[in-house]
Amino acid sequence: MSSTKPETTGNGTGNKPFSVYLALSEKEYEVPADKSILKVLEEAGESVISSCQEGTCGTCETPVLSGTVDHRCRVLDDEEREANDTMMICVSRACGNRLELDM
């Protein structure tokens, strides 16, 4: 049986820790290498909508205000990835040390 988890489709930065800042709630969280943004936010009690948690449905699509995304989903096309203005927080990560999200 093959895995349905998406592979890194961004710049191949791998899983490195980074911080995520939620602009609307003015909260910042550390995202460790072994957890997704979605998981960190759920564990912190933030209200987030998700479904597949594999980057295939688009339910957790979130607007990006700043930072570069390492897109790992199968939802966005090349043009949308290049625009860097939205991401799937269940699988995609930051290329750098910090992302700011519109949530």
C-alpha atoms as a PDB file:
ATOM      1  CA  MET A   1       0.000   0.000   0.000  1.00  0.00           C
ATOM      2  CA  SER A   2       1.467   3.375  -0.977  1.00  0.00           C
ATOM      3  CA  SER A   3       1.523   6.396   1.283  1.00  0.00           C
ATOM      4  CA  THR A   4      -0.834   9.266   0.505  1.00  0.00           C
ATOM      5  CA  LYS A   5       1.264  11.839   2.367  1.00  0.00           C
ATOM      6  CA  PRO A   6       2.504  14.566   0.026  1.00  0.00           C
ATOM      7  CA  GLU A   7       6.202  14.972  -0.469  1.00  0.00           C
ATOM      8  CA  THR A   8       7.990  18.269  -0.143  1.00  0.00           C
ATOM      9  CA  THR A   9       7.242  20.232  -3.272  1.00  0.00           C
ATOM     10  CA  GLY A  10       8.795  23.511  -2.192  1.00  0.00           C
ATOM     11  CA  ASN A  11      12.499  24.144  -1.889  1.00  0.00           C
ATOM     12  CA  GLY A  12      13.246  20.960   0.050  1.00  0.00           C
ATOM     13  CA  THR A  13      14.051  22.620   3.364  1.00  0.00           C
ATOM     14  CA  GLY A  14      12.936  19.546   5.291  1.00  0.00           C
ATOM     15  CA  ASN A  15      11.347  19.750   8.689  1.00  0.00           C
ATOM     16  CA  LYS A  16      12.970  22.537  10.662  1.00  0.00           C
ATOM     17  CA  PRO A  17      11.372  24.349  13.587  1.00  0.00           C
ATOM     18  CA  PHE A  18       9.936  27.822  12.965  1.00  0.00           C
ATOM     19  CA  SER A  19       7.453  30.238  14.502  1.00  0.00           C
ATOM     20  CA  VAL A  20       4.012  31.134  13.246  1.00  0.00           C
ATOM     21  CA  TYR A  21       2.351  34.434  14.117  1.00  0.00           C
ATOM     22  CA  LEU A  22      -1.431  34.728  13.951  1.00  0.00           C
ATOM     23  CA  ALA A  23      -2.118  38.346  13.020  1.00  0.00           C
ATOM     24  CA  LEU A  24      -5.785  38.510  14.025  1.00  0.00           C
ATOM     25  CA  SER A  25      -5.297  37.035  17.496  1.00  0.00           C
ATOM     26  CA  GLU A  26      -1.791  38.501  17.902  1.00  0.00           C
ATOM     27  CA  LYS A  27      -0.425  35.168  19.137  1.00  0.00           C
ATOM     28  CA  GLU A  28       2.816  33.461  18.194  1.00  0.00           C
ATOM     29  CA  TYR A  29       3.576  29.746  18.396  1.00  0.00           C
ATOM     30  CA  GLU A  30       6.684  27.651  17.932  1.00  0.00           C
ATOM     31  CA  VAL A  31       6.242  24.847  15.411  1.00  0.00           C
ATOM     32  CA  PRO A  32       8.692  22.011  16.122  1.00  0.00           C
ATOM     33  CA  ALA A  33      10.157  19.873  13.363  1.00  0.00           C
ATOM     34  CA  ASP A  34       7.859  16.955  14.190  1.00  0.00           C
ATOM     35  CA  LYS A  35       4.507  18.807  14.164  1.00  0.00           C
ATOM     36  CA  SER A  36       2.425  20.696  11.624  1.00  0.00           C
ATOM     37  CA  ILE A  37       1.108  24.211  12.089  1.00  0.00           C
ATOM     38  CA  LEU A  38      -2.365  22.696  12.261  1.00  0.00           C
ATOM     39  CA  LYS A  39      -1.388  20.311  15.070  1.00  0.00           C
ATOM     40  CA  VAL A  40       0.320  23.067  17.090  1.00  0.00           C
ATOM     41  CA  LEU A  41      -2.717  25.338  16.766  1.00  0.00           C
ATOM     42  CA  GLU A  42      -5.156  22.560  17.683  1.00  0.00           C
ATOM     43  CA  GLU A  43      -3.090  21.669  20.749  1.00  0.00           C
ATOM     44  CA  ALA A  44      -3.081  25.356  21.769  1.00  0.00           C
ATOM     45  CA  GLY A  45      -6.883  25.465  21.592  1.00  0.00           C
ATOM     46  CA  GLU A  46      -7.089  27.655  18.485  1.00  0.00           C
ATOM     47  CA  SER A  47     -10.183  27.228  16.332  1.00  0.00           C
ATOM     48  CA  VAL A  48      -9.025  25.741  13.027  1.00  0.00           C
ATOM     49  CA  ILE A  49     -10.966  23.952  10.317  1.00  0.00           C
ATOM     50  CA  SER A  50      -9.441  20.857   8.748  1.00  0.00           C
ATOM     51  CA  SER A  51     -10.406  17.592   7.125  1.00  0.00           C
ATOM     52  CA  CYS A  52      -7.856  15.310   5.433  1.00  0.00           C
ATOM     53  CA  GLN A  53      -4.716  16.517   7.274  1.00  0.00           C
ATOM     54  CA  GLU A  54      -2.718  15.305   4.259  1.00  0.00           C
ATOM     55  CA  GLY A  55      -2.737  18.357   1.987  1.00  0.00           C
ATOM     56  CA  THR A  56      -5.246  17.008  -0.503  1.00  0.00           C
ATOM     57  CA  CYS A  57      -8.604  18.648   0.308  1.00  0.00           C
ATOM     58  CA  GLY A  58      -7.900  22.369   0.772  1.00  0.00           C
ATOM     59  CA  THR A  59     -10.086  22.730   3.870  1.00  0.00           C
ATOM     60  CA  CYS A  60      -7.308  24.271   6.008  1.00  0.00           C
ATOM     61  CA  GLU A  61      -6.231  26.804   3.358  1.00  0.00           C
ATOM     62  CA  THR A  62      -4.982  29.897   5.192  1.00  0.00           C
ATOM     63  CA  PRO A  63      -3.903  33.325   3.881  1.00  0.00           C
ATOM     64  CA  VAL A  64      -0.190  34.118   4.300  1.00  0.00           C
ATOM     65  CA  LEU A  65       0.770  37.702   5.198  1.00  0.00           C
ATOM     66  CA  SER A  66       4.549  37.296   5.338  1.00  0.00           C
ATOM     67  CA  GLY A  67       7.243  34.645   5.138  1.00  0.00           C
ATOM     68  CA  THR A  68       8.007  32.125   2.424  1.00  0.00           C
ATOM     69  CA  VAL A  69       6.048  28.877   2.366  1.00  0.00           C
ATOM     70  CA  ASP A  70       7.470  25.435   1.644  1.00  0.00           C
ATOM     71  CA  HIS A  71       4.329  24.160  -0.109  1.00  0.00           C
ATOM     72  CA  ARG A  72       3.755  20.447   0.453  1.00  0.00           C
ATOM     73  CA  CYS A  73       0.104  20.151  -0.516  1.00  0.00           C
ATOM     74  CA  ARG A  74      -1.462  18.763  -3.663  1.00  0.00           C
ATOM     75  CA  VAL A  75      -4.099  21.485  -3.846  1.00  0.00           C
ATOM     76  CA  LEU A  76      -2.282  24.555  -5.161  1.00  0.00           C
ATOM     77  CA  ASP A  77      -0.999  24.799  -8.720  1.00  0.00           C
ATOM     78  CA  ASP A  78       2.420  26.225  -9.603  1.00  0.00           C
ATOM     79  CA  GLU A  79       1.085  29.758 -10.070  1.00  0.00           C
ATOM     80  CA  GLU A  80      -0.657  29.714  -6.683  1.00  0.00           C
ATOM     81  CA  ARG A  81       2.481  28.369  -4.992  1.00  0.00           C
ATOM     82  CA  GLU A  82       4.588  31.094  -6.608  1.00  0.00           C
ATOM     83  CA  ALA A  83       2.153  33.778  -5.402  1.00  0.00           C
ATOM     84  CA  ASN A  84       2.892  32.641  -1.825  1.00  0.00           C
ATOM     85  CA  ASP A  85      -0.324  34.185  -0.510  1.00  0.00           C
ATOM     86  CA  THR A  86      -2.036  31.063   0.817  1.00  0.00           C
ATOM     87  CA  MET A  87      -1.040  27.699   2.298  1.00  0.00           C
ATOM     88  CA  MET A  88      -2.430  24.441   3.660  1.00  0.00           C
ATOM     89  CA  ILE A  89      -1.453  24.495   7.331  1.00  0.00           C
ATOM     90  CA  CYS A  90      -1.846  20.728   7.702  1.00  0.00           C
ATOM     91  CA  VAL A  91       1.325  19.926   5.731  1.00  0.00           C
ATOM     92  CA  SER A  92       3.087  23.032   4.417  1.00  0.00           C
ATOM     93  CA  ARG A  93       5.830  24.693   6.437  1.00  0.00           C
ATOM     94  CA  ALA A  94       8.014  27.791   6.519  1.00  0.00           C
ATOM     95  CA  CYS A  95      11.154  28.021   4.403  1.00  0.00           C
ATOM     96  CA  GLY A  96      12.598  30.485   6.910  1.00  0.00           C
ATOM     97  CA  ASN A  97      12.244  31.082  10.633  1.00  0.00           C
ATOM     98  CA  ARG A  98       8.769  32.653  10.690  1.00  0.00           C
ATOM     99  CA  LEU A  99       5.411  32.849   8.951  1.00  0.00           C
ATOM    100  CA  GLU A 100       2.670  35.390   9.582  1.00  0.00           C
ATOM    101  CA  LEU A 101      -0.830  34.134   8.867  1.00  0.00           C
ATOM    102  CA  ASP A 102      -4.117  36.003   8.482  1.00  0.00           C
ATOM    103  CA  MET A 103      -5.928  34.223  11.285  1.00  0.00           C
END
